[in-house]
Amino acid sequence: MTIPDPREIYCSASYPTVTNCTIAGNSARDNGGAVYCYSQSEPILTNCIL
């Protein structure tokens, strides 16, 4: 999986499941460089390299 956005995973009030991924070379000026979840989000990342 390749996501070109600098903030790779951004979620709000959601329950994303991400498996077997690499998230690299990203940054953010404010919150969350690789993963930013808020508003009761509950992400599940399995076998991922951040």
PDB file of N, CA and C in Angstrom:
ATOM      1  N   MET A   1       0.853  -1.173   0.000  1.00  0.00           N
ATOM      2  CA  MET A   1       0.000   0.000   0.000  1.00  0.00           C
ATOM      3  C   MET A   1       0.892   1.227   0.000  1.00  0.00           C
ATOM      4  N   THR A   2       0.636   2.154  -0.875  1.00  0.00           N
ATOM      5  CA  THR A   2       1.350   3.423  -0.902  1.00  0.00           C
ATOM      6  C   THR A   2       0.332   4.548  -0.914  1.00  0.00           C
ATOM      7  N   ILE A   3       0.450   5.426   0.056  1.00  0.00           N
ATOM      8  CA  ILE A   3      -0.445   6.573   0.156  1.00  0.00           C
ATOM      9  C   ILE A   3       0.438   7.817   0.070  1.00  0.00           C
ATOM     10  N   PRO A   4       0.293   8.642  -0.957  1.00  0.00           N
ATOM     11  CA  PRO A   4       1.220   9.746  -1.183  1.00  0.00           C
ATOM     12  C   PRO A   4       1.076  10.952  -0.258  1.00  0.00           C
ATOM     13  N   ASP A   5       0.039  11.046   0.530  1.00  0.00           N
ATOM     14  CA  ASP A   5      -0.165  12.196   1.408  1.00  0.00           C
ATOM     15  C   ASP A   5       0.897  12.212   2.513  1.00  0.00           C
ATOM     16  N   PRO A   6       1.445  13.403   2.846  1.00  0.00           N
ATOM     17  CA  PRO A   6       2.451  13.477   3.916  1.00  0.00           C
ATOM     18  C   PRO A   6       1.941  12.992   5.265  1.00  0.00           C
ATOM     19  N   ARG A   7       0.652  12.997   5.455  1.00  0.00           N
ATOM     20  CA  ARG A   7       0.100  12.551   6.718  1.00  0.00           C
ATOM     21  C   ARG A   7      -0.513  11.159   6.545  1.00  0.00           C
ATOM     22  N   GLU A   8       0.019  10.350   5.800  1.00  0.00           N
ATOM     23  CA  GLU A   8      -0.334   8.965   5.489  1.00  0.00           C
ATOM     24  C   GLU A   8      -1.737   8.504   5.872  1.00  0.00           C
ATOM     25  N   ILE A   9      -2.038   8.380   7.168  1.00  0.00           N
ATOM     26  CA  ILE A   9      -3.372   7.930   7.591  1.00  0.00           C
ATOM     27  C   ILE A   9      -3.973   8.997   8.497  1.00  0.00           C
ATOM     28  N   TYR A  10      -5.141   9.492   8.126  1.00  0.00           N
ATOM     29  CA  TYR A  10      -5.829  10.552   8.865  1.00  0.00           C
ATOM     30  C   TYR A  10      -7.270  10.099   9.015  1.00  0.00           C
ATOM     31  N   CYS A  11      -7.708   9.896  10.237  1.00  0.00           N
ATOM     32  CA  CYS A  11      -9.067   9.396  10.419  1.00  0.00           C
ATOM     33  C   CYS A  11      -9.789  10.130  11.550  1.00  0.00           C
ATOM     34  N   SER A  12     -11.090  10.212  11.400  1.00  0.00           N
ATOM     35  CA  SER A  12     -11.945  10.860  12.378  1.00  0.00           C
ATOM     36  C   SER A  12     -13.174   9.986  12.601  1.00  0.00           C
ATOM     37  N   ALA A  13     -13.425   9.655  13.847  1.00  0.00           N
ATOM     38  CA  ALA A  13     -14.595   8.857  14.223  1.00  0.00           C
ATOM     39  C   ALA A  13     -14.711   7.612  13.342  1.00  0.00           C
ATOM     40  N   SER A  14     -13.594   6.882  13.226  1.00  0.00           N
ATOM     41  CA  SER A  14     -13.600   5.700  12.372  1.00  0.00           C
ATOM     42  C   SER A  14     -12.780   4.578  13.002  1.00  0.00           C
ATOM     43  N   TYR A  15     -12.858   3.419  12.408  1.00  0.00           N
ATOM     44  CA  TYR A  15     -12.200   2.216  12.920  1.00  0.00           C
ATOM     45  C   TYR A  15     -11.416   1.538  11.790  1.00  0.00           C
ATOM     46  N   PRO A  16     -10.390   2.201  11.255  1.00  0.00           N
ATOM     47  CA  PRO A  16      -9.660   1.616  10.134  1.00  0.00           C
ATOM     48  C   PRO A  16      -8.808   0.420  10.560  1.00  0.00           C
ATOM     49  N   THR A  17      -8.686  -0.538   9.674  1.00  0.00           N
ATOM     50  CA  THR A  17      -7.793  -1.673   9.865  1.00  0.00           C
ATOM     51  C   THR A  17      -6.792  -1.659   8.717  1.00  0.00           C
ATOM     52  N   VAL A  18      -5.505  -1.606   9.061  1.00  0.00           N
ATOM     53  CA  VAL A  18      -4.441  -1.562   8.067  1.00  0.00           C
ATOM     54  C   VAL A  18      -3.494  -2.719   8.364  1.00  0.00           C
ATOM     55  N   THR A  19      -3.183  -3.504   7.333  1.00  0.00           N
ATOM     56  CA  THR A  19      -2.353  -4.690   7.508  1.00  0.00           C
ATOM     57  C   THR A  19      -1.232  -4.717   6.479  1.00  0.00           C
ATOM     58  N   ASN A  20      -0.059  -5.191   6.921  1.00  0.00           N
ATOM     59  CA  ASN A  20       1.097  -5.382   6.034  1.00  0.00           C
ATOM     60  C   ASN A  20       1.445  -4.127   5.243  1.00  0.00           C
ATOM     61  N   CYS A  21       1.765  -3.060   5.942  1.00  0.00           N
ATOM     62  CA  CYS A  21       2.070  -1.806   5.255  1.00  0.00           C
ATOM     63  C   CYS A  21       3.389  -1.218   5.751  1.00  0.00           C
ATOM     64  N   THR A  22       3.943  -0.320   4.963  1.00  0.00           N
ATOM     65  CA  THR A  22       5.093   0.483   5.360  1.00  0.00           C
ATOM     66  C   THR A  22       4.724   1.935   5.130  1.00  0.00           C
ATOM     67  N   ILE A  23       4.874   2.730   6.163  1.00  0.00           N
ATOM     68  CA  ILE A  23       4.618   4.168   6.076  1.00  0.00           C
ATOM     69  C   ILE A  23       5.939   4.847   6.391  1.00  0.00           C
ATOM     70  N   ALA A  24       6.515   5.520   5.388  1.00  0.00           N
ATOM     71  CA  ALA A  24       7.850   6.096   5.564  1.00  0.00           C
ATOM     72  C   ALA A  24       7.965   7.439   4.846  1.00  0.00           C
ATOM     73  N   GLY A  25       8.931   8.226   5.293  1.00  0.00           N
ATOM     74  CA  GLY A  25       9.237   9.485   4.635  1.00  0.00           C
ATOM     75  C   GLY A  25       8.147  10.523   4.744  1.00  0.00           C
ATOM     76  N   ASN A  26       7.487  10.574   5.858  1.00  0.00           N
ATOM     77  CA  ASN A  26       6.376  11.506   6.015  1.00  0.00           C
ATOM     78  C   ASN A  26       6.618  12.420   7.211  1.00  0.00           C
ATOM     79  N   SER A  27       5.927  13.544   7.203  1.00  0.00           N
ATOM     80  CA  SER A  27       6.022  14.496   8.305  1.00  0.00           C
ATOM     81  C   SER A  27       4.750  15.325   8.330  1.00  0.00           C
ATOM     82  N   ALA A  28       4.588  16.058   9.410  1.00  0.00           N
ATOM     83  CA  ALA A  28       3.429  16.933   9.525  1.00  0.00           C
ATOM     84  C   ALA A  28       3.832  18.167  10.317  1.00  0.00           C
ATOM     85  N   ARG A  29       3.305  19.288   9.936  1.00  0.00           N
ATOM     86  CA  ARG A  29       3.614  20.530  10.642  1.00  0.00           C
ATOM     87  C   ARG A  29       2.950  20.558  12.012  1.00  0.00           C
ATOM     88  N   ASP A  30       1.770  19.971  12.111  1.00  0.00           N
ATOM     89  CA  ASP A  30       1.047  19.975  13.382  1.00  0.00           C
ATOM     90  C   ASP A  30       1.033  18.571  13.991  1.00  0.00           C
ATOM     91  N   ASN A  31      -0.097  17.919  13.946  1.00  0.00           N
ATOM     92  CA  ASN A  31      -0.261  16.616  14.597  1.00  0.00           C
ATOM     93  C   ASN A  31      -0.113  15.461  13.618  1.00  0.00           C
ATOM     94  N   GLY A  32       0.489  14.395  14.089  1.00  0.00           N
ATOM     95  CA  GLY A  32       0.522  13.147  13.335  1.00  0.00           C
ATOM     96  C   GLY A  32       1.364  13.179  12.083  1.00  0.00           C
ATOM     97  N   GLY A  33       2.515  12.546  12.119  1.00  0.00           N
ATOM     98  CA  GLY A  33       3.335  12.433  10.922  1.00  0.00           C
ATOM     99  C   GLY A  33       2.914  11.231  10.107  1.00  0.00           C
ATOM    100  N   ALA A  34       2.823  10.080  10.731  1.00  0.00           N
ATOM    101  CA  ALA A  34       2.444   8.849  10.022  1.00  0.00           C
ATOM    102  C   ALA A  34       0.956   8.569  10.171  1.00  0.00           C
ATOM    103  N   VAL A  35       0.480   8.640  11.399  1.00  0.00           N
ATOM    104  CA  VAL A  35      -0.923   8.317  11.670  1.00  0.00           C
ATOM    105  C   VAL A  35      -1.497   9.385  12.586  1.00  0.00           C
ATOM    106  N   TYR A  36      -2.614   9.938  12.208  1.00  0.00           N
ATOM    107  CA  TYR A  36      -3.317  10.900  13.057  1.00  0.00           C
ATOM    108  C   TYR A  36      -4.785  10.525  13.085  1.00  0.00           C
ATOM    109  N   CYS A  37      -5.247  10.089  14.244  1.00  0.00           N
ATOM    110  CA  CYS A  37      -6.646   9.698  14.416  1.00  0.00           C
ATOM    111  C   CYS A  37      -7.208  10.445  15.615  1.00  0.00           C
ATOM    112  N   TYR A  38      -8.428  10.917  15.478  1.00  0.00           N
ATOM    113  CA  TYR A  38      -9.052  11.650  16.572  1.00  0.00           C
ATOM    114  C   TYR A  38     -10.549  11.381  16.592  1.00  0.00           C
ATOM    115  N   SER A  39     -11.221  11.987  17.524  1.00  0.00           N
ATOM    116  CA  SER A  39     -12.667  11.883  17.663  1.00  0.00           C
ATOM    117  C   SER A  39     -13.121  10.429  17.812  1.00  0.00           C
ATOM    118  N   GLN A  40     -12.539   9.774  18.801  1.00  0.00           N
ATOM    119  CA  GLN A  40     -12.899   8.402  19.171  1.00  0.00           C
ATOM    120  C   GLN A  40     -12.566   7.375  18.102  1.00  0.00           C
ATOM    121  N   SER A  41     -11.573   7.635  17.266  1.00  0.00           N
ATOM    122  CA  SER A  41     -11.113   6.648  16.292  1.00  0.00           C
ATOM    123  C   SER A  41     -10.352   5.548  17.021  1.00  0.00           C
ATOM    124  N   GLU A  42     -10.426   4.356  16.497  1.00  0.00           N
ATOM    125  CA  GLU A  42      -9.719   3.211  17.063  1.00  0.00           C
ATOM    126  C   GLU A  42      -9.068   2.420  15.932  1.00  0.00           C
ATOM    127  N   PRO A  43      -7.915   2.897  15.458  1.00  0.00           N
ATOM    128  CA  PRO A  43      -7.260   2.192  14.357  1.00  0.00           C
ATOM    129  C   PRO A  43      -6.607   0.892  14.829  1.00  0.00           C
ATOM    130  N   ILE A  44      -6.534  -0.073  13.935  1.00  0.00           N
ATOM    131  CA  ILE A  44      -5.809  -1.312  14.173  1.00  0.00           C
ATOM    132  C   ILE A  44      -4.752  -1.422  13.085  1.00  0.00           C
ATOM    133  N   LEU A  45      -3.482  -1.392  13.479  1.00  0.00           N
ATOM    134  CA  LEU A  45      -2.377  -1.548  12.543  1.00  0.00           C
ATOM    135  C   LEU A  45      -1.679  -2.856  12.881  1.00  0.00           C
ATOM    136  N   THR A  46      -1.629  -3.757  11.909  1.00  0.00           N
ATOM    137  CA  THR A  46      -1.046  -5.083  12.107  1.00  0.00           C
ATOM    138  C   THR A  46       0.075  -5.291  11.108  1.00  0.00           C
ATOM    139  N   ASN A  47       1.229  -5.711  11.633  1.00  0.00           N
ATOM    140  CA  ASN A  47       2.386  -6.005  10.791  1.00  0.00           C
ATOM    141  C   ASN A  47       2.751  -4.802   9.914  1.00  0.00           C
ATOM    142  N   CYS A  48       2.788  -3.625  10.534  1.00  0.00           N
ATOM    143  CA  CYS A  48       3.102  -2.393   9.808  1.00  0.00           C
ATOM    144  C   CYS A  48       4.415  -1.809  10.305  1.00  0.00           C
ATOM    145  N   ILE A  49       5.150  -1.180   9.419  1.00  0.00           N
ATOM    146  CA  ILE A  49       6.386  -0.476   9.759  1.00  0.00           C
ATOM    147  C   ILE A  49       6.101   1.006   9.610  1.00  0.00           C
ATOM    148  N   LEU A  50       6.308   1.744  10.730  1.00  0.00           N
ATOM    149  CA  LEU A  50       6.077   3.188  10.714  1.00  0.00           C
ATOM    150  C   LEU A  50       7.404   3.908  10.871  1.00  0.00           C
TER     151      LEU A  50
END
